[in-house]
Amino acid sequence: MKTIVSALSEIPEPLRNEYEVLPDGRYRLRTEGDPLPEVAEAHSKLTEFRDNNINLLKLKAELEGRLKAFEGVDPKEYGTMKSRLQDLEKKGGVTKAEDLDAKLKQAIAEANAPLVEQLAQVEAKRLEAENRLAFRDLEQQLTSVGMKLGVDEKAMPDFLNRGLEVFDYDGTAKNGETPLFSKVKPAEPLGFEEWAQGLAADAPHLFKRSAGSGATGGQGAAGKRVVSRDPLEIGRNLEALAKGEAVVN
């Protein structure tokens, strides 16, 4: 039998009780006169010392890891910051980063509220001024067309109201939300003159009646047919007027 072995597995099981553990972890065959109690006590102390060292090394590694998180942190500054954080928690209800972010956004929004309101007012006034100018421009265009086609001065307000119901400020003709297109040139939007010429047939009372009503006036410049300002005559010659083949006298 071996006197010293590294593991009990090297010894037959019936003989393993004959071996004792040495301080270095190996096993030795007991012999007469061996100080077994002393060896056992020394082994116990060695095991305890080794376990303690292992635990201390683990604790040391854990503490070192924690200390790395505080590298460059001034203890006094940390204390001040902690105190301020506690004040925020008490007074402002801030317990986490999201709370502070929400508080900052709220403060910024409250501070900017007067400026936002002023900007909204300025924008509203700007839009109002633009609409007023666009309205005047549209009104002038309709007036010009009405005078050209012989709208009676007394009927001009009615003519303008009808036109403002059809045309947007940008000059687009619509029936509600549906765009209106020319009957002569279907691919093109309905223009002011074509609309007014159609109105001469639908509402002839808006137009002046000229002497000799019902007769056309012969040939004008460039061979164009001359149509009197009579609303009925204009209505009968809408297509020719829209194509440019006739002109209003």
Protein backbone atom coordinates (compact mmCIF):
# COMPACT_ATOMS: atom_id res chain seq x y z
CA MET A 1 0.00 0.00 0.00
CA LYS A 2 1.09 3.57 -0.65
CA THR A 3 1.97 5.61 2.39
CA ILE A 4 0.84 8.94 0.92
CA VAL A 5 -1.74 9.45 -1.83
CA SER A 6 -3.32 12.49 -3.45
CA ALA A 7 -6.88 11.19 -3.29
CA LEU A 8 -8.74 8.43 -1.47
CA SER A 9 -9.84 7.08 -4.80
CA GLU A 10 -6.40 5.62 -5.13
CA ILE A 11 -7.03 3.42 -2.07
CA PRO A 12 -9.38 0.45 -1.90
CA GLU A 13 -12.52 1.42 -0.04
CA PRO A 14 -12.05 -1.00 2.91
CA LEU A 15 -8.68 0.63 3.68
CA ARG A 16 -9.65 4.27 3.35
CA ASN A 17 -10.36 4.63 7.07
CA GLU A 18 -6.71 3.88 7.65
CA TYR A 19 -5.67 7.15 5.97
CA GLU A 20 -5.64 10.61 7.49
CA VAL A 21 -5.71 14.00 5.81
CA LEU A 22 -2.49 15.99 5.75
CA PRO A 23 -2.34 19.83 5.94
CA ASP A 24 -1.55 20.02 2.22
CA GLY A 25 -4.70 18.07 1.32
CA ARG A 26 -3.08 14.72 0.61
CA TYR A 27 -3.75 11.52 2.56
CA ARG A 28 -1.28 9.49 4.66
CA LEU A 29 -1.49 5.97 5.98
CA ARG A 30 -1.85 5.98 9.74
CA THR A 31 0.96 4.36 11.66
CA GLU A 32 1.33 3.55 15.30
CA GLY A 33 2.14 6.59 17.39
CA ASP A 34 0.78 9.21 14.91
CA PRO A 35 -0.51 12.32 16.67
CA LEU A 36 -3.97 12.04 15.08
CA PRO A 37 -5.73 14.69 17.23
CA GLU A 38 -3.06 17.26 16.52
CA VAL A 39 -3.08 16.48 12.80
CA ALA A 40 -6.85 16.72 12.67
CA GLU A 41 -6.83 20.05 14.51
CA ALA A 42 -4.12 21.45 12.27
CA HIS A 43 -6.02 20.33 9.22
CA SER A 44 -9.20 21.93 10.53
CA LYS A 45 -7.43 25.22 11.16
CA LEU A 46 -5.83 25.08 7.73
CA THR A 47 -9.20 24.51 6.09
CA GLU A 48 -10.75 27.36 8.04
CA PHE A 49 -7.88 29.67 7.15
CA ARG A 50 -8.17 28.76 3.48
CA ASP A 51 -11.95 29.34 3.45
CA ASN A 52 -11.52 32.66 5.18
CA ASN A 53 -8.95 33.73 2.62
CA ILE A 54 -11.24 32.76 -0.22
CA ASN A 55 -14.11 34.75 1.29
CA LEU A 56 -11.87 37.75 1.91
CA LEU A 57 -10.63 37.68 -1.68
CA LYS A 58 -14.23 37.59 -2.95
CA LEU A 59 -15.19 40.49 -0.67
CA LYS A 60 -12.13 42.46 -1.77
CA ALA A 61 -13.03 41.99 -5.46
CA GLU A 62 -16.63 43.04 -4.80
CA LEU A 63 -15.57 46.18 -2.90
CA GLU A 64 -13.07 47.11 -5.58
CA GLY A 65 -15.82 46.81 -8.20
CA ARG A 66 -18.07 49.09 -6.19
CA LEU A 67 -15.30 51.65 -5.65
CA LYS A 68 -14.74 51.96 -9.39
CA ALA A 69 -18.19 53.51 -9.71
CA PHE A 70 -17.08 56.33 -7.39
CA GLU A 71 -13.77 57.14 -9.08
CA GLY A 72 -13.34 60.92 -9.32
CA VAL A 73 -16.29 61.61 -7.00
CA ASP A 74 -15.68 64.18 -4.29
CA PRO A 75 -17.29 62.91 -1.05
CA LYS A 76 -18.32 66.46 -0.08
CA GLU A 77 -19.82 67.13 -3.48
CA TYR A 78 -21.63 63.80 -3.36
CA GLY A 79 -23.09 64.72 0.02
CA THR A 80 -24.28 68.09 -1.33
CA MET A 81 -25.87 66.48 -4.36
CA LYS A 82 -27.57 63.85 -2.23
CA SER A 83 -28.97 66.55 0.02
CA ARG A 84 -30.34 68.48 -2.98
CA LEU A 85 -31.87 65.32 -4.39
CA GLN A 86 -33.64 64.70 -1.10
CA ASP A 87 -34.99 68.26 -1.23
CA LEU A 88 -36.28 67.65 -4.76
CA GLU A 89 -37.99 64.48 -3.63
CA LYS A 90 -39.67 66.31 -0.75
CA LYS A 91 -40.66 69.53 -2.53
CA GLY A 92 -41.02 68.59 -6.19
CA GLY A 93 -41.94 64.94 -6.14
CA VAL A 94 -38.81 64.02 -8.11
CA THR A 95 -37.74 60.47 -7.40
CA LYS A 96 -36.23 59.44 -10.75
CA ALA A 97 -34.72 60.89 -13.92
CA GLU A 98 -38.04 60.76 -15.79
CA ASP A 99 -39.65 62.93 -13.09
CA LEU A 100 -36.94 65.58 -13.42
CA ASP A 101 -37.26 65.56 -17.21
CA ALA A 102 -41.02 66.03 -16.93
CA LYS A 103 -40.58 68.89 -14.44
CA LEU A 104 -38.10 70.64 -16.73
CA LYS A 105 -40.39 70.31 -19.75
CA GLN A 106 -43.30 71.66 -17.73
CA ALA A 107 -41.24 74.63 -16.53
CA ILE A 108 -40.05 75.40 -20.07
CA ALA A 109 -43.59 75.14 -21.44
CA GLU A 110 -44.92 77.50 -18.75
CA ALA A 111 -42.11 79.98 -19.40
CA ASN A 112 -42.70 79.89 -23.17
CA ALA A 113 -46.50 80.03 -22.98
CA PRO A 114 -46.71 83.87 -23.32
CA LEU A 115 -44.31 83.83 -26.27
CA VAL A 116 -46.24 81.03 -27.98
CA GLU A 117 -49.47 82.98 -27.53
CA GLN A 118 -47.89 86.12 -28.98
CA LEU A 119 -46.58 84.18 -31.98
CA ALA A 120 -50.03 82.69 -32.53
CA GLN A 121 -51.57 86.17 -32.48
CA VAL A 122 -48.97 87.47 -34.93
CA GLU A 123 -49.59 84.51 -37.25
CA ALA A 124 -53.35 85.03 -37.05
CA LYS A 125 -52.96 88.71 -37.94
CA ARG A 126 -50.64 87.82 -40.82
CA LEU A 127 -53.14 85.33 -42.22
CA GLU A 128 -55.95 87.85 -41.78
CA ALA A 129 -53.95 90.47 -43.70
CA GLU A 130 -53.13 88.00 -46.47
CA ASN A 131 -56.79 86.98 -46.76
CA ARG A 132 -57.86 90.61 -46.83
CA LEU A 133 -55.44 91.36 -49.67
CA ALA A 134 -56.47 88.21 -51.53
CA PHE A 135 -60.14 89.16 -51.09
CA ARG A 136 -59.54 92.63 -52.48
CA ASP A 137 -57.60 91.22 -55.43
CA LEU A 138 -60.38 88.73 -56.20
CA GLU A 139 -63.00 91.44 -55.86
CA GLN A 140 -61.06 93.69 -58.27
CA GLN A 141 -60.73 90.91 -60.85
CA LEU A 142 -64.45 90.16 -60.68
CA THR A 143 -65.29 93.87 -60.93
CA SER A 144 -63.06 94.24 -63.99
CA VAL A 145 -64.72 91.28 -65.71
CA GLY A 146 -68.20 92.53 -64.76
CA MET A 147 -67.54 95.99 -66.18
CA LYS A 148 -66.10 94.47 -69.36
CA LEU A 149 -69.18 92.31 -69.94
CA GLY A 150 -71.66 95.08 -69.12
CA VAL A 151 -72.82 94.35 -65.56
CA ASP A 152 -75.12 97.12 -64.35
CA GLU A 153 -73.52 99.34 -61.71
CA LYS A 154 -76.49 98.84 -59.38
CA ALA A 155 -76.23 95.06 -59.81
CA MET A 156 -72.47 94.95 -59.24
CA PRO A 157 -72.75 94.00 -55.51
CA ASP A 158 -74.99 91.06 -56.43
CA PHE A 159 -72.59 90.08 -59.22
CA LEU A 160 -69.63 90.21 -56.81
CA ASN A 161 -71.40 88.14 -54.16
CA ARG A 162 -72.16 85.47 -56.72
CA GLY A 163 -68.55 85.47 -57.85
CA LEU A 164 -67.19 85.25 -54.27
CA GLU A 165 -69.36 82.19 -53.70
CA VAL A 166 -67.77 80.47 -56.71
CA PHE A 167 -64.12 81.57 -56.64
CA ASP A 168 -61.56 81.05 -53.89
CA TYR A 169 -59.01 83.73 -53.06
CA ASP A 170 -56.53 82.06 -55.41
CA GLY A 171 -58.99 82.32 -58.31
CA THR A 172 -60.02 78.64 -58.31
CA ALA A 173 -63.68 78.09 -59.19
CA LYS A 174 -65.48 75.49 -57.07
CA ASN A 175 -68.93 74.10 -56.44
CA GLY A 176 -68.56 73.31 -52.74
CA GLU A 177 -65.30 71.34 -52.67
CA THR A 178 -65.52 70.23 -56.32
CA PRO A 179 -63.34 72.21 -58.78
CA LEU A 180 -65.15 73.64 -61.81
CA PHE A 181 -63.67 73.36 -65.29
CA SER A 182 -64.20 75.24 -68.53
CA LYS A 183 -66.92 73.91 -70.83
CA VAL A 184 -65.01 75.15 -73.85
CA LYS A 185 -61.64 73.78 -72.72
CA PRO A 186 -62.49 70.97 -70.27
CA ALA A 187 -58.85 70.43 -69.28
CA GLU A 188 -58.58 74.00 -67.95
CA PRO A 189 -60.18 75.53 -64.82
CA LEU A 190 -63.23 77.71 -65.23
CA GLY A 191 -62.13 81.33 -65.70
CA PHE A 192 -63.74 84.59 -64.62
CA GLU A 193 -64.97 85.63 -68.05
CA GLU A 194 -66.51 82.29 -68.96
CA TRP A 195 -68.27 82.17 -65.60
CA ALA A 196 -69.58 85.72 -66.06
CA GLN A 197 -70.74 84.96 -69.60
CA GLY A 198 -72.69 81.99 -68.27
CA LEU A 199 -74.19 84.24 -65.61
CA ALA A 200 -75.44 86.55 -68.35
CA ALA A 201 -77.72 83.75 -69.51
CA ASP A 202 -78.76 82.62 -66.02
CA ALA A 203 -79.21 86.07 -64.48
CA PRO A 204 -79.63 88.57 -67.35
CA HIS A 205 -81.10 91.17 -64.99
CA LEU A 206 -77.59 91.83 -63.70
CA PHE A 207 -76.48 93.18 -67.08
CA LYS A 208 -77.25 96.39 -68.94
CA ARG A 209 -79.56 96.26 -71.90
CA SER A 210 -78.21 98.03 -74.94
CA ALA A 211 -80.22 99.68 -77.70
CA GLY A 212 -81.03 97.34 -80.53
CA SER A 213 -81.20 94.34 -78.25
CA GLY A 214 -81.08 90.98 -79.95
CA ALA A 215 -78.87 91.93 -82.88
CA THR A 216 -75.23 91.17 -83.26
CA GLY A 217 -72.91 93.93 -84.39
CA GLY A 218 -71.21 92.55 -87.46
CA GLN A 219 -67.50 91.93 -87.71
CA GLY A 220 -64.96 93.41 -85.35
CA ALA A 221 -61.16 93.52 -85.40
CA ALA A 222 -59.40 90.52 -86.93
CA GLY A 223 -62.72 89.26 -88.29
CA LYS A 224 -64.21 88.56 -84.86
CA ARG A 225 -67.97 88.73 -84.42
CA VAL A 226 -69.08 91.70 -82.31
CA VAL A 227 -71.76 90.91 -79.73
CA SER A 228 -73.85 93.60 -78.05
CA ARG A 229 -73.84 93.96 -74.29
CA ASP A 230 -77.35 92.62 -74.06
CA PRO A 231 -77.34 89.69 -71.60
CA LEU A 232 -79.45 87.51 -73.82
CA GLU A 233 -77.17 88.14 -76.77
CA ILE A 234 -74.14 87.35 -74.63
CA GLY A 235 -75.82 84.13 -73.50
CA ARG A 236 -76.44 83.07 -77.09
CA ASN A 237 -72.80 83.65 -77.97
CA LEU A 238 -71.12 82.16 -74.91
CA GLU A 239 -69.18 79.54 -76.82
CA ALA A 240 -67.92 82.01 -79.42
CA LEU A 241 -66.94 84.47 -76.72
CA ALA A 242 -65.12 81.78 -74.75
CA LYS A 243 -63.21 80.63 -77.86
CA GLY A 244 -62.27 84.20 -78.71
CA GLU A 245 -64.26 84.14 -81.93
CA ALA A 246 -66.48 87.02 -80.72
CA VAL A 247 -66.04 90.13 -78.62
CA VAL A 248 -68.48 92.26 -76.61
CA ASN A 249 -69.14 95.69 -78.07
